[in-house]
Protein backbone atom coordinates (compact mmCIF):
# COMPACT_ATOMS: atom_id res chain seq x y z
CA MET A 1 0.00 0.00 0.00
CA ALA A 2 1.74 3.16 -1.19
CA GLY A 3 1.00 6.58 0.17
CA ASP A 4 2.15 9.40 2.36
CA ILE A 5 1.20 10.69 5.76
CA LYS A 6 0.75 14.44 5.59
CA LEU A 7 -0.24 17.11 8.03
CA LYS A 8 -3.71 18.51 7.58
CA TYR A 9 -5.17 21.65 9.09
CA PRO A 10 -8.84 20.64 9.43
CA ALA A 11 -10.13 23.87 10.94
CA THR A 12 -9.34 27.56 10.96
CA SER A 13 -7.34 29.13 13.75
CA VAL A 14 -9.23 29.77 16.97
CA THR A 15 -8.79 33.18 18.58
CA MET A 16 -8.62 32.60 22.32
CA THR A 17 -10.53 34.83 24.73
CA THR A 18 -7.93 37.07 26.38
CA THR A 19 -10.15 39.59 28.17
CA ASN A 20 -8.35 39.29 31.50
CA LEU A 21 -4.90 39.16 29.88
CA GLN A 22 -5.15 42.76 28.68
CA SER A 23 -4.57 44.26 32.15
CA LEU A 24 -2.17 41.63 33.54
CA GLY A 25 0.30 43.26 35.92
CA SER A 26 3.98 42.45 36.26
CA SER A 27 5.04 39.62 38.58
CA ALA A 28 8.77 39.30 39.30
CA THR A 29 8.34 35.58 40.07
CA LYS A 30 5.78 35.08 37.28
CA THR A 31 3.37 33.47 39.76
CA VAL A 32 0.58 36.02 39.28
CA GLY A 33 -0.72 35.58 35.79
CA TRP A 34 -3.50 34.63 33.41
CA THR A 35 -5.02 31.31 32.47
CA SER A 36 -6.88 30.49 29.28
CA ALA A 37 -10.07 28.54 28.98
CA ALA A 38 -9.50 24.83 28.43
CA ILE A 39 -8.74 23.55 24.95
CA VAL A 40 -10.85 20.38 24.87
CA ASN A 41 -9.57 17.59 22.63
CA THR A 42 -12.06 14.80 23.40
CA SER A 43 -14.26 14.96 20.27
CA ASN A 44 -11.94 15.88 17.42
CA VAL A 45 -8.85 14.20 18.94
CA TYR A 46 -6.36 16.32 17.02
CA ASN A 47 -2.71 15.24 16.98
CA ASP A 48 -1.49 18.70 17.87
CA TYR A 49 -2.42 22.33 18.23
CA LEU A 50 -0.18 25.11 16.99
CA LEU A 51 -0.08 28.01 19.46
CA SER A 52 0.84 31.57 18.49
CA ALA A 53 0.51 34.98 20.10
CA GLU A 54 1.10 38.71 19.86
CA PHE A 55 1.67 40.59 23.13
CA LYS A 56 2.20 44.30 23.67
CA SER A 57 4.34 45.38 26.57
CA GLY A 58 2.86 48.08 28.75
CA THR A 59 4.33 51.45 29.67
CA SER A 60 8.12 51.58 30.21
CA PRO A 61 9.06 47.89 30.36
CA ALA A 62 12.50 47.15 31.82
CA VAL A 63 15.45 45.85 29.79
CA ASN A 64 15.91 42.04 29.71
CA THR A 65 12.37 41.25 30.87
CA GLY A 66 9.43 39.70 29.08
CA TRP A 67 6.60 37.26 29.35
CA GLY A 68 6.43 33.53 29.81
CA ILE A 69 4.01 30.91 28.56
CA TRP A 70 3.37 27.57 30.26
CA LEU A 71 0.96 24.79 29.31
CA TYR A 72 -0.87 22.63 31.80
CA ALA A 73 -3.26 19.72 31.42
CA ALA A 74 -6.07 18.16 33.41
CA ILE A 75 -5.06 15.11 35.43
CA ASN A 76 -7.99 13.08 34.00
CA ASP A 77 -10.72 13.37 31.38
CA THR A 78 -13.45 14.51 33.84
CA PRO A 79 -11.61 17.05 33.78
CA THR A 80 -9.99 17.37 37.18
CA TRP A 81 -7.26 19.99 37.34
CA ALA A 82 -4.24 20.01 39.66
CA SER A 83 -4.44 22.46 42.56
CA ILE A 84 -2.33 25.16 40.94
CA PHE A 85 -4.06 28.42 41.80
CA SER A 86 -5.03 30.05 45.11
CA ALA A 87 -6.99 32.64 43.12
CA GLY A 88 -8.55 31.97 39.74
CA THR A 89 -9.79 28.69 38.30
CA ALA A 90 -7.71 26.24 36.27
CA GLY A 91 -9.11 25.71 32.77
CA THR A 92 -11.20 28.91 32.95
CA GLU A 93 -10.13 32.21 31.33
CA GLY A 94 -9.09 34.78 33.89
CA THR A 95 -6.39 36.11 36.15
CA CYS A 96 -4.85 33.73 38.66
CA THR A 97 -2.28 33.39 41.42
CA CYS A 98 -0.19 30.28 42.01
CA PHE A 99 -0.45 28.67 45.47
CA GLY A 100 1.55 29.57 48.52
CA SER A 101 5.00 30.73 49.51
CA THR A 102 6.56 28.17 47.16
CA ALA A 103 4.37 29.30 44.24
CA THR A 104 7.12 28.86 41.63
CA ASN A 105 7.47 25.21 42.71
CA VAL A 106 3.71 24.70 42.41
CA ARG A 107 3.67 26.32 38.96
CA ASP A 108 6.69 24.36 37.75
CA ALA A 109 5.32 21.03 39.02
CA ALA A 110 1.94 21.40 37.30
CA CYS A 111 2.85 23.47 34.24
CA ARG A 112 5.22 22.74 31.37
CA PRO A 113 7.36 25.66 30.11
CA PHE A 114 6.43 26.64 26.57
CA GLY A 115 8.58 29.72 26.06
CA TYR A 116 9.90 32.97 27.46
CA PHE A 117 9.83 35.96 25.17
CA THR A 118 12.02 38.99 25.89
CA VAL A 119 10.64 42.46 25.17
CA ALA A 120 12.45 45.62 24.16
CA ALA A 121 12.46 48.46 26.68
CA THR A 122 9.92 50.26 24.51
CA THR A 123 6.40 51.21 25.55
CA ASN A 124 3.71 49.18 23.74
CA GLN A 125 6.32 47.10 21.88
CA LEU A 126 4.65 44.26 19.96
CA THR A 127 6.31 40.86 20.48
CA SER A 128 5.06 37.87 18.50
CA PHE A 129 5.78 34.20 18.19
CA ALA A 130 4.80 32.10 15.21
CA GLN A 131 2.94 28.81 15.48
CA ILE A 132 4.64 26.30 17.77
CA GLY A 133 3.32 22.77 18.36
CA MET A 134 1.88 22.07 21.81
CA ALA A 135 2.05 18.23 21.70
CA GLN A 136 5.84 18.23 22.04
CA ILE A 137 5.45 19.81 25.49
CA PHE A 138 3.43 16.76 26.58
CA GLY A 139 5.75 14.11 25.16
CA GLY A 140 4.24 14.07 21.66
CA SER A 141 0.54 13.53 22.47
CA MET A 142 -2.17 16.06 23.25
CA PRO A 143 -3.98 15.65 26.58
CA THR A 144 -7.79 15.60 26.72
CA HIS A 145 -7.88 19.08 28.29
CA THR A 146 -5.10 21.67 28.05
CA ALA A 147 -4.83 25.30 29.10
CA VAL A 148 -2.30 28.11 28.79
CA TYR A 149 -0.76 30.05 31.69
CA ALA A 150 0.92 33.39 30.96
CA ALA A 151 2.77 35.82 33.21
CA GLN A 152 4.96 38.86 32.64
CA ASP A 153 7.85 40.36 34.56
CA THR A 154 8.44 43.51 32.51
CA GLY A 155 7.94 45.90 35.40
CA ALA A 156 5.20 47.61 33.41
CA THR A 157 2.01 48.25 35.38
CA SER A 158 0.15 46.05 32.91
CA PHE A 159 0.23 44.76 29.36
CA ALA A 160 -1.06 47.15 26.74
CA SER A 161 -4.40 46.24 25.18
CA GLY A 162 -4.42 44.29 21.94
CA ASN A 163 -2.89 41.01 23.13
CA VAL A 164 -4.07 38.02 21.16
CA MET A 165 -3.48 34.27 21.22
CA TYR A 166 -4.45 31.67 18.64
CA TYR A 167 -4.40 27.91 18.30
CA ASN A 168 -4.76 25.90 15.13
CA PRO A 169 -5.58 22.15 15.14
CA VAL A 170 -3.44 19.64 13.23
CA ILE A 171 -4.06 16.03 12.21
CA SER A 172 -2.06 13.47 10.29
CA GLN A 173 -3.76 12.18 7.17
CA TYR A 174 -2.85 9.20 5.04
CA THR A 175 -2.93 10.05 1.33
């Protein structure tokens, strides 16, 4: 049986709701941040999702600072989420705070680092990243429920408005 396995993009990009991301303040430890709504992969069972974003730094960001992205997944298909946040709700779009005095340990145990993006020390500087596969963060397979955690340490009072995040589903197709 001859043929090829090719990537297929079965749906258009989804623009994630980022309402609460627009006013996200700076957190030196990156433990006060924003969480996306869950990306549910139980019906379509896509192989991967390509994540991309455009963030605008706020007023007077400091040199050698930026914003970080982490991914986290439910611990089962119910979904039940790990106890990550003392404020905010895992898998629900909104601002959040990681648990306790060892908040970076809690974040790093439950969340997988996706990337850290340095900003220029320029007010309202746009920083973008092109589509990057999410499955690689989880060992090559997409979980049933995934969410994004973002935090910034730019020193700016808050991000500028106009931040946007997208994900685009991917499947492998035999041709």
